[in-house]
Amino acid sequence: MTEKSKKKKAEEDAEETSAETDALAEANAKAEEYLNIARRLQAEFDNFRKRTEKENEEFRKFAAWGMAGSLLTIADDMDRALGTATEETELVRGIRSIRQNLMKVLEENGIREIPTDCKFDPNLHEALCTVEADTDGDIAEVFQKGYRLNDRILRYPKVKVTKKKESEKTCQE
């Protein structure tokens, strides 16, 4: 083999190696691009799955909203019936027992009564009227009980709030 042919052969080998290197680099770039696309799709799918789980949880949490309002009117009717009872008969005990069972079922589903044995809180209570008293801001009477479903207010309790008596002011002239 002559020097010229050796040189030509070396050039051809270099071109082949260069072409193979270019093809390999191009294939690696394509593979990296596909890998990035796959990672993005996986991240998007994970976000979608988490968002869907959160939405389903919220739906389950508040699915009873409409029915709860209807059941609370039944509980109110039972309270009114029990309030008019003058003696403890079998019927009264039966209604009281049914109401306790209803409230137990509501509590198991996240519905709880809003306390009214505390100071008036405009975020939790609805004041219908005021009455003068020695203290200010106490709840004097409850017209309708209020309830919350998990962390949301389902119905505000309707209350009468005390207002401190104003002392008569005298003007000195």
N, C-alpha and C. Protein backbone atom coordinates (compact mmCIF):
# COMPACT_ATOMS: atom_id res chain seq x y z
N MET A 1 0.83 -1.16 0.00
CA MET A 1 0.00 0.00 0.00
C MET A 1 0.89 1.24 0.00
N THR A 2 0.52 2.12 -0.81
CA THR A 2 1.33 3.32 -0.94
C THR A 2 0.92 4.35 0.09
N GLU A 3 1.77 5.27 0.18
CA GLU A 3 1.55 6.34 1.15
C GLU A 3 0.27 7.10 0.82
N LYS A 4 0.03 7.29 -0.44
CA LYS A 4 -1.14 8.02 -0.89
C LYS A 4 -2.41 7.24 -0.56
N SER A 5 -2.39 5.97 -0.80
CA SER A 5 -3.57 5.14 -0.53
C SER A 5 -3.82 5.03 0.97
N LYS A 6 -2.74 5.00 1.77
CA LYS A 6 -2.90 4.96 3.22
C LYS A 6 -3.57 6.25 3.72
N LYS A 7 -3.15 7.37 3.14
CA LYS A 7 -3.70 8.65 3.51
C LYS A 7 -5.17 8.73 3.14
N LYS A 8 -5.49 8.23 1.94
CA LYS A 8 -6.87 8.24 1.47
C LYS A 8 -7.73 7.36 2.37
N LYS A 9 -7.21 6.20 2.74
CA LYS A 9 -7.92 5.27 3.60
C LYS A 9 -8.16 5.92 4.97
N ALA A 10 -7.17 6.62 5.51
CA ALA A 10 -7.29 7.28 6.80
C ALA A 10 -8.34 8.39 6.74
N GLU A 11 -8.37 9.12 5.64
CA GLU A 11 -9.38 10.18 5.47
C GLU A 11 -10.79 9.59 5.42
N GLU A 12 -10.93 8.48 4.69
CA GLU A 12 -12.23 7.82 4.60
C GLU A 12 -12.68 7.32 5.97
N ASP A 13 -11.75 6.73 6.74
CA ASP A 13 -12.06 6.25 8.08
C ASP A 13 -12.46 7.42 8.99
N ALA A 14 -11.77 8.53 8.86
CA ALA A 14 -12.06 9.72 9.66
C ALA A 14 -13.44 10.26 9.32
N GLU A 15 -13.77 10.25 8.02
CA GLU A 15 -15.09 10.72 7.61
C GLU A 15 -16.18 9.80 8.15
N GLU A 16 -15.91 8.49 8.09
CA GLU A 16 -16.88 7.53 8.62
C GLU A 16 -17.05 7.73 10.13
N THR A 17 -15.96 7.89 10.84
CA THR A 17 -16.00 8.10 12.28
C THR A 17 -16.72 9.40 12.60
N SER A 18 -16.44 10.43 11.82
CA SER A 18 -17.10 11.73 12.00
C SER A 18 -18.60 11.61 11.75
N ALA A 19 -18.96 10.89 10.71
CA ALA A 19 -20.38 10.70 10.39
C ALA A 19 -21.06 9.89 11.49
N GLU A 20 -20.35 8.85 11.98
CA GLU A 20 -20.91 8.04 13.06
C GLU A 20 -21.05 8.87 14.34
N THR A 21 -20.06 9.70 14.63
CA THR A 21 -20.09 10.56 15.80
C THR A 21 -21.25 11.56 15.69
N ASP A 22 -21.41 12.13 14.51
CA ASP A 22 -22.51 13.07 14.28
C ASP A 22 -23.86 12.36 14.46
N ALA A 23 -23.98 11.18 13.91
CA ALA A 23 -25.23 10.42 14.03
C ALA A 23 -25.49 10.05 15.49
N LEU A 24 -24.43 9.67 16.20
CA LEU A 24 -24.56 9.32 17.61
C LEU A 24 -24.96 10.55 18.43
N ALA A 25 -24.34 11.69 18.17
CA ALA A 25 -24.66 12.93 18.87
C ALA A 25 -26.10 13.33 18.59
N GLU A 26 -26.53 13.17 17.34
CA GLU A 26 -27.91 13.51 16.97
C GLU A 26 -28.89 12.57 17.67
N ALA A 27 -28.56 11.29 17.73
CA ALA A 27 -29.42 10.31 18.40
C ALA A 27 -29.49 10.60 19.90
N ASN A 28 -28.34 10.97 20.49
CA ASN A 28 -28.33 11.32 21.91
C ASN A 28 -29.17 12.57 22.19
N ALA A 29 -29.08 13.56 21.32
CA ALA A 29 -29.87 14.79 21.47
C ALA A 29 -31.36 14.46 21.38
N LYS A 30 -31.72 13.62 20.41
CA LYS A 30 -33.12 13.22 20.22
C LYS A 30 -33.61 12.45 21.46
N ALA A 31 -32.77 11.54 21.98
CA ALA A 31 -33.13 10.76 23.16
C ALA A 31 -33.32 11.68 24.37
N GLU A 32 -32.45 12.67 24.52
CA GLU A 32 -32.56 13.64 25.62
C GLU A 32 -33.85 14.45 25.49
N GLU A 33 -34.18 14.84 24.28
CA GLU A 33 -35.42 15.59 24.03
C GLU A 33 -36.64 14.74 24.41
N TYR A 34 -36.65 13.48 24.00
CA TYR A 34 -37.75 12.58 24.32
C TYR A 34 -37.84 12.34 25.83
N LEU A 35 -36.69 12.24 26.48
CA LEU A 35 -36.67 12.04 27.92
C LEU A 35 -37.27 13.26 28.64
N ASN A 36 -36.92 14.46 28.17
CA ASN A 36 -37.48 15.68 28.76
C ASN A 36 -38.99 15.74 28.56
N ILE A 37 -39.44 15.36 27.37
CA ILE A 37 -40.89 15.34 27.10
C ILE A 37 -41.58 14.35 28.04
N ALA A 38 -40.98 13.17 28.20
CA ALA A 38 -41.56 12.15 29.08
C ALA A 38 -41.61 12.65 30.53
N ARG A 39 -40.57 13.33 30.98
CA ARG A 39 -40.54 13.86 32.34
C ARG A 39 -41.62 14.93 32.53
N ARG A 40 -41.78 15.82 31.55
CA ARG A 40 -42.81 16.86 31.63
C ARG A 40 -44.21 16.24 31.67
N LEU A 41 -44.44 15.24 30.83
CA LEU A 41 -45.74 14.57 30.83
C LEU A 41 -46.01 13.88 32.15
N GLN A 42 -44.99 13.27 32.72
CA GLN A 42 -45.16 12.60 34.00
C GLN A 42 -45.48 13.63 35.09
N ALA A 43 -44.80 14.76 35.08
CA ALA A 43 -45.07 15.81 36.07
C ALA A 43 -46.48 16.37 35.89
N GLU A 44 -46.90 16.60 34.66
CA GLU A 44 -48.24 17.09 34.39
C GLU A 44 -49.29 16.09 34.86
N PHE A 45 -49.02 14.81 34.63
CA PHE A 45 -49.96 13.78 35.07
C PHE A 45 -50.04 13.73 36.58
N ASP A 46 -48.90 13.83 37.27
CA ASP A 46 -48.90 13.85 38.74
C ASP A 46 -49.70 15.04 39.26
N ASN A 47 -49.50 16.22 38.64
CA ASN A 47 -50.26 17.41 39.06
C ASN A 47 -51.75 17.21 38.82
N PHE A 48 -52.11 16.64 37.68
CA PHE A 48 -53.51 16.37 37.36
C PHE A 48 -54.11 15.41 38.39
N ARG A 49 -53.38 14.35 38.72
CA ARG A 49 -53.86 13.36 39.68
C ARG A 49 -54.08 14.01 41.05
N LYS A 50 -53.12 14.82 41.50
CA LYS A 50 -53.25 15.48 42.80
C LYS A 50 -54.42 16.46 42.81
N ARG A 51 -54.57 17.23 41.73
CA ARG A 51 -55.67 18.19 41.64
C ARG A 51 -57.02 17.46 41.65
N THR A 52 -57.11 16.35 40.92
CA THR A 52 -58.35 15.57 40.87
C THR A 52 -58.67 14.98 42.24
N GLU A 53 -57.67 14.47 42.93
CA GLU A 53 -57.89 13.93 44.27
C GLU A 53 -58.39 15.02 45.21
N LYS A 54 -57.81 16.22 45.11
CA LYS A 54 -58.22 17.32 45.97
C LYS A 54 -59.66 17.74 45.66
N GLU A 55 -60.00 17.82 44.37
CA GLU A 55 -61.36 18.18 43.98
C GLU A 55 -62.36 17.13 44.46
N ASN A 56 -62.01 15.85 44.33
CA ASN A 56 -62.90 14.78 44.79
C ASN A 56 -63.08 14.85 46.30
N GLU A 57 -62.00 15.13 47.02
CA GLU A 57 -62.09 15.26 48.48
C GLU A 57 -63.01 16.40 48.85
N GLU A 58 -62.87 17.55 48.19
CA GLU A 58 -63.74 18.70 48.44
C GLU A 58 -65.19 18.35 48.13
N PHE A 59 -65.41 17.64 47.04
CA PHE A 59 -66.77 17.24 46.66
C PHE A 59 -67.38 16.34 47.73
N ARG A 60 -66.60 15.35 48.16
CA ARG A 60 -67.10 14.44 49.19
C ARG A 60 -67.38 15.18 50.50
N LYS A 61 -66.51 16.15 50.79
CA LYS A 61 -66.63 16.89 52.04
C LYS A 61 -67.93 17.69 52.09
N PHE A 62 -68.35 18.25 50.96
CA PHE A 62 -69.50 19.14 50.95
C PHE A 62 -70.66 18.61 50.11
N ALA A 63 -70.67 17.33 49.80
CA ALA A 63 -71.75 16.74 49.01
C ALA A 63 -73.07 16.76 49.77
N ALA A 64 -73.01 16.73 51.07
CA ALA A 64 -74.22 16.68 51.89
C ALA A 64 -74.82 18.06 52.14
N TRP A 65 -74.31 19.10 51.52
CA TRP A 65 -74.73 20.48 51.79
C TRP A 65 -76.24 20.65 51.65
N GLY A 66 -76.80 20.26 50.51
CA GLY A 66 -78.23 20.46 50.26
C GLY A 66 -79.09 19.63 51.18
N MET A 67 -78.75 18.37 51.33
CA MET A 67 -79.54 17.50 52.19
C MET A 67 -79.43 17.93 53.65
N ALA A 68 -78.28 18.42 54.05
CA ALA A 68 -78.08 18.84 55.44
C ALA A 68 -79.05 19.96 55.80
N GLY A 69 -79.23 20.92 54.90
CA GLY A 69 -80.17 22.01 55.16
C GLY A 69 -81.58 21.49 55.39
N SER A 70 -81.99 20.53 54.60
CA SER A 70 -83.33 19.94 54.76
C SER A 70 -83.45 19.20 56.08
N LEU A 71 -82.43 18.44 56.43
CA LEU A 71 -82.47 17.69 57.69
C LEU A 71 -82.46 18.62 58.90
N LEU A 72 -81.80 19.77 58.76
CA LEU A 72 -81.77 20.72 59.88
C LEU A 72 -83.14 21.32 60.14
N THR A 73 -83.94 21.52 59.09
CA THR A 73 -85.30 22.02 59.32
C THR A 73 -86.13 20.98 60.08
N ILE A 74 -85.87 19.71 59.83
CA ILE A 74 -86.56 18.65 60.58
C ILE A 74 -86.12 18.69 62.05
N ALA A 75 -84.82 18.88 62.29
CA ALA A 75 -84.32 18.99 63.66
C ALA A 75 -84.95 20.20 64.36
N ASP A 76 -85.10 21.32 63.63
CA ASP A 76 -85.76 22.51 64.20
C ASP A 76 -87.20 22.21 64.56
N ASP A 77 -87.90 21.51 63.68
CA ASP A 77 -89.30 21.15 63.96
C ASP A 77 -89.39 20.27 65.21
N MET A 78 -88.46 19.33 65.34
CA MET A 78 -88.44 18.48 66.53
C MET A 78 -88.17 19.30 67.78
N ASP A 79 -87.26 20.28 67.70
CA ASP A 79 -86.98 21.15 68.84
C ASP A 79 -88.23 21.93 69.25
N ARG A 80 -88.95 22.46 68.26
CA ARG A 80 -90.18 23.21 68.56
C ARG A 80 -91.22 22.29 69.20
N ALA A 81 -91.34 21.06 68.68
CA ALA A 81 -92.30 20.11 69.24
C ALA A 81 -91.92 19.78 70.68
N LEU A 82 -90.63 19.56 70.93
CA LEU A 82 -90.19 19.25 72.29
C LEU A 82 -90.35 20.45 73.21
N GLY A 83 -90.23 21.66 72.66
CA GLY A 83 -90.39 22.87 73.46
C GLY A 83 -91.82 23.08 73.92
N THR A 84 -92.78 22.56 73.19
CA THR A 84 -94.18 22.72 73.57
C THR A 84 -94.68 21.60 74.47
N ALA A 85 -93.89 20.55 74.62
CA ALA A 85 -94.31 19.42 75.45
C ALA A 85 -94.35 19.84 76.91
N THR A 86 -95.46 19.53 77.57
CA THR A 86 -95.62 19.91 78.97
C THR A 86 -95.26 18.78 79.92
N GLU A 87 -95.36 17.56 79.47
CA GLU A 87 -95.03 16.43 80.32
C GLU A 87 -94.20 15.41 79.54
N GLU A 88 -93.49 14.61 80.28
CA GLU A 88 -92.58 13.62 79.68
C GLU A 88 -93.35 12.33 79.40
N THR A 89 -93.93 12.24 78.20
CA THR A 89 -94.68 11.05 77.80
C THR A 89 -93.80 10.16 76.93
N GLU A 90 -94.33 9.00 76.58
CA GLU A 90 -93.61 8.10 75.68
C GLU A 90 -93.34 8.77 74.34
N LEU A 91 -94.31 9.52 73.85
CA LEU A 91 -94.16 10.23 72.57
C LEU A 91 -93.02 11.24 72.65
N VAL A 92 -92.97 12.01 73.73
CA VAL A 92 -91.92 13.02 73.90
C VAL A 92 -90.56 12.34 73.97
N ARG A 93 -90.46 11.26 74.73
CA ARG A 93 -89.19 10.53 74.82
C ARG A 93 -88.79 9.97 73.45
N GLY A 94 -89.78 9.50 72.69
CA GLY A 94 -89.50 8.97 71.35
C GLY A 94 -88.99 10.05 70.42
N ILE A 95 -89.62 11.22 70.44
CA ILE A 95 -89.17 12.34 69.59
C ILE A 95 -87.77 12.78 70.00
N ARG A 96 -87.52 12.84 71.31
CA ARG A 96 -86.18 13.23 71.80
C ARG A 96 -85.14 12.21 71.33
N SER A 97 -85.47 10.95 71.38
CA SER A 97 -84.55 9.90 70.94
C SER A 97 -84.28 9.99 69.44
N ILE A 98 -85.33 10.23 68.67
CA ILE A 98 -85.16 10.37 67.21
C ILE A 98 -84.28 11.57 66.90
N ARG A 99 -84.48 12.68 67.62
CA ARG A 99 -83.66 13.88 67.40
C ARG A 99 -82.20 13.59 67.73
N GLN A 100 -81.95 12.89 68.82
CA GLN A 100 -80.57 12.54 69.19
C GLN A 100 -79.92 11.68 68.11
N ASN A 101 -80.67 10.73 67.58
CA ASN A 101 -80.12 9.89 66.50
C ASN A 101 -79.84 10.71 65.25
N LEU A 102 -80.74 11.64 64.92
CA LEU A 102 -80.53 12.50 63.76
C LEU A 102 -79.27 13.35 63.94
N MET A 103 -79.11 13.92 65.13
CA MET A 103 -77.93 14.76 65.39
C MET A 103 -76.65 13.93 65.35
N LYS A 104 -76.72 12.69 65.81
CA LYS A 104 -75.56 11.80 65.78
C LYS A 104 -75.15 11.53 64.32
N VAL A 105 -76.13 11.26 63.47
CA VAL A 105 -75.85 11.02 62.05
C VAL A 105 -75.26 12.27 61.40
N LEU A 106 -75.81 13.43 61.73
CA LEU A 106 -75.29 14.69 61.17
C LEU A 106 -73.84 14.91 61.61
N GLU A 107 -73.55 14.66 62.88
CA GLU A 107 -72.19 14.84 63.38
C GLU A 107 -71.21 13.88 62.72
N GLU A 108 -71.65 12.67 62.47
CA GLU A 108 -70.79 11.70 61.79
C GLU A 108 -70.46 12.15 60.37
N ASN A 109 -71.31 13.00 59.80
CA ASN A 109 -71.08 13.51 58.45
C ASN A 109 -70.51 14.92 58.44
N GLY A 110 -69.97 15.36 59.57
CA GLY A 110 -69.24 16.63 59.63
C GLY A 110 -70.09 17.83 59.96
N ILE A 111 -71.36 17.65 60.34
CA ILE A 111 -72.23 18.79 60.66
C ILE A 111 -72.26 18.95 62.17
N ARG A 112 -71.86 20.15 62.63
CA ARG A 112 -71.80 20.40 64.06
C ARG A 112 -72.54 21.71 64.38
N GLU A 113 -73.12 21.74 65.57
CA GLU A 113 -73.82 22.94 66.01
C GLU A 113 -72.82 24.02 66.37
N ILE A 114 -73.13 25.25 66.03
CA ILE A 114 -72.29 26.40 66.39
C ILE A 114 -72.67 26.81 67.80
N PRO A 115 -71.70 26.89 68.71
CA PRO A 115 -72.03 27.21 70.10
C PRO A 115 -72.59 28.62 70.24
N THR A 116 -73.58 28.76 71.11
CA THR A 116 -74.19 30.06 71.38
C THR A 116 -74.10 30.41 72.86
N ASP A 117 -73.32 29.66 73.62
CA ASP A 117 -73.16 29.93 75.05
C ASP A 117 -71.89 30.74 75.30
N CYS A 118 -71.61 31.64 74.38
CA CYS A 118 -70.40 32.45 74.46
C CYS A 118 -70.74 33.89 74.10
N LYS A 119 -69.73 34.70 73.95
CA LYS A 119 -69.93 36.08 73.51
C LYS A 119 -70.36 36.09 72.03
N PHE A 120 -71.06 37.14 71.65
CA PHE A 120 -71.50 37.31 70.27
C PHE A 120 -70.29 37.52 69.37
N ASP A 121 -70.23 36.77 68.29
CA ASP A 121 -69.17 36.90 67.29
C ASP A 121 -69.85 37.10 65.93
N PRO A 122 -69.69 38.29 65.34
CA PRO A 122 -70.38 38.55 64.07
C PRO A 122 -69.94 37.63 62.93
N ASN A 123 -68.81 36.96 63.08
CA ASN A 123 -68.37 36.01 62.07
C ASN A 123 -69.09 34.67 62.19
N LEU A 124 -69.66 34.40 63.38
CA LEU A 124 -70.32 33.12 63.62
C LEU A 124 -71.82 33.24 63.89
N HIS A 125 -72.28 34.41 64.31
CA HIS A 125 -73.67 34.57 64.72
C HIS A 125 -74.34 35.68 63.91
N GLU A 126 -75.65 35.56 63.77
CA GLU A 126 -76.44 36.59 63.10
C GLU A 126 -77.32 37.24 64.15
N ALA A 127 -77.09 38.53 64.42
CA ALA A 127 -77.86 39.24 65.43
C ALA A 127 -79.15 39.76 64.79
N LEU A 128 -80.27 39.36 65.36
CA LEU A 128 -81.55 39.83 64.85
C LEU A 128 -82.04 41.06 65.60
N CYS A 129 -81.70 41.14 66.90
CA CYS A 129 -82.10 42.30 67.69
C CYS A 129 -81.20 42.39 68.92
N THR A 130 -81.37 43.49 69.66
CA THR A 130 -80.59 43.67 70.88
C THR A 130 -81.55 43.90 72.04
N VAL A 131 -81.05 43.65 73.24
CA VAL A 131 -81.81 43.89 74.46
C VAL A 131 -80.84 44.51 75.47
N GLU A 132 -81.35 45.46 76.25
CA GLU A 132 -80.48 46.10 77.24
C GLU A 132 -80.24 45.17 78.41
N ALA A 133 -79.01 45.16 78.89
CA ALA A 133 -78.63 44.32 80.02
C ALA A 133 -77.41 44.94 80.70
N ASP A 134 -76.93 44.26 81.75
CA ASP A 134 -75.78 44.76 82.49
C ASP A 134 -74.47 44.53 81.74
N THR A 135 -74.44 43.54 80.86
CA THR A 135 -73.22 43.24 80.10
C THR A 135 -73.44 43.59 78.64
N ASP A 136 -72.34 43.61 77.93
CA ASP A 136 -72.40 43.98 76.52
C ASP A 136 -71.87 42.82 75.67
N GLY A 137 -72.60 42.45 74.64
CA GLY A 137 -72.13 41.46 73.68
C GLY A 137 -72.40 40.02 74.02
N ASP A 138 -73.23 39.76 75.03
CA ASP A 138 -73.60 38.38 75.35
C ASP A 138 -74.79 37.97 74.49
N ILE A 139 -74.96 36.68 74.33
CA ILE A 139 -76.12 36.16 73.61
C ILE A 139 -77.23 35.93 74.62
N ALA A 140 -78.34 36.67 74.48
CA ALA A 140 -79.43 36.59 75.43
C ALA A 140 -80.42 35.49 75.07
N GLU A 141 -80.66 35.31 73.80
CA GLU A 141 -81.65 34.32 73.37
C GLU A 141 -81.25 33.78 71.99
N VAL A 142 -81.56 32.52 71.74
CA VAL A 142 -81.28 31.90 70.45
C VAL A 142 -82.61 31.64 69.76
N PHE A 143 -82.83 32.28 68.62
CA PHE A 143 -84.06 32.08 67.86
C PHE A 143 -83.98 30.83 66.98
N GLN A 144 -82.80 30.61 66.39
CA GLN A 144 -82.59 29.44 65.54
C GLN A 144 -81.13 29.01 65.68
N LYS A 145 -80.93 27.72 65.89
CA LYS A 145 -79.58 27.19 66.03
C LYS A 145 -78.86 27.26 64.69
N GLY A 146 -77.54 27.39 64.79
CA GLY A 146 -76.71 27.44 63.60
C GLY A 146 -75.80 26.22 63.53
N TYR A 147 -75.37 25.90 62.31
CA TYR A 147 -74.55 24.71 62.11
C TYR A 147 -73.46 24.99 61.10
N ARG A 148 -72.38 24.22 61.24
CA ARG A 148 -71.29 24.29 60.27
C ARG A 148 -71.07 22.91 59.69
N LEU A 149 -70.71 22.87 58.43
CA LEU A 149 -70.38 21.63 57.75
C LEU A 149 -68.88 21.66 57.52
N ASN A 150 -68.16 20.81 58.26
CA ASN A 150 -66.70 20.78 58.27
C ASN A 150 -66.20 22.17 58.64
N ASP A 151 -65.59 22.90 57.73
CA ASP A 151 -65.05 24.21 58.10
C ASP A 151 -65.86 25.37 57.53
N ARG A 152 -67.01 25.08 56.94
CA ARG A 152 -67.85 26.15 56.37
C ARG A 152 -69.15 26.27 57.17
N ILE A 153 -69.64 27.51 57.23
CA ILE A 153 -70.89 27.75 57.93
C ILE A 153 -72.04 27.33 57.02
N LEU A 154 -72.85 26.43 57.52
CA LEU A 154 -74.02 25.95 56.79
C LEU A 154 -75.20 26.88 57.04
N ARG A 155 -75.37 27.26 58.31
CA ARG A 155 -76.44 28.18 58.68
C ARG A 155 -76.00 28.92 59.93
N TYR A 156 -76.10 30.25 59.89
CA TYR A 156 -75.72 31.07 61.04
C TYR A 156 -76.80 30.98 62.12
N PRO A 157 -76.39 30.92 63.40
CA PRO A 157 -77.41 30.95 64.45
C PRO A 157 -78.00 32.36 64.54
N LYS A 158 -79.31 32.43 64.67
CA LYS A 158 -80.00 33.72 64.78
C LYS A 158 -80.22 33.98 66.26
N VAL A 159 -79.67 35.11 66.73
CA VAL A 159 -79.63 35.36 68.18
C VAL A 159 -80.06 36.78 68.53
N LYS A 160 -80.40 36.94 69.82
CA LYS A 160 -80.65 38.26 70.41
C LYS A 160 -79.42 38.58 71.25
N VAL A 161 -78.88 39.78 71.09
CA VAL A 161 -77.61 40.16 71.74
C VAL A 161 -77.87 41.22 72.80
N THR A 162 -77.13 41.12 73.91
CA THR A 162 -77.27 42.11 74.97
C THR A 162 -76.46 43.36 74.63
N LYS A 163 -77.02 44.47 75.08
CA LYS A 163 -76.34 45.76 74.90
C LYS A 163 -76.33 46.42 76.27
N LYS A 164 -75.18 46.91 76.68
CA LYS A 164 -75.05 47.50 78.01
C LYS A 164 -75.94 48.74 78.11
N LYS A 165 -76.61 48.84 79.28
CA LYS A 165 -77.48 49.99 79.51
C LYS A 165 -76.63 51.24 79.56
N GLU A 166 -77.12 52.24 78.88
CA GLU A 166 -76.41 53.52 78.91
C GLU A 166 -76.93 54.31 80.11
N SER A 167 -75.98 54.80 80.89
CA SER A 167 -76.40 55.61 82.05
C SER A 167 -76.83 56.99 81.55
N GLU A 168 -77.79 57.53 82.24
CA GLU A 168 -78.29 58.83 81.83
C GLU A 168 -77.23 59.88 82.11
N LYS A 169 -76.99 60.68 81.13
CA LYS A 169 -75.98 61.73 81.28
C LYS A 169 -76.67 63.02 81.73
N THR A 170 -76.06 63.66 82.64
CA THR A 170 -76.61 64.95 83.09
C THR A 170 -75.67 66.03 82.64
N CYS A 171 -76.25 67.10 82.22
CA CYS A 171 -75.44 68.24 81.78
C CYS A 171 -75.34 69.24 82.90
N GLN A 172 -74.16 69.69 83.20
CA GLN A 172 -73.98 70.72 84.24
C GLN A 172 -73.91 72.06 83.52
N GLU A 173 -74.73 72.94 84.01
CA GLU A 173 -74.75 74.25 83.38
C GLU A 173 -74.26 75.30 84.32
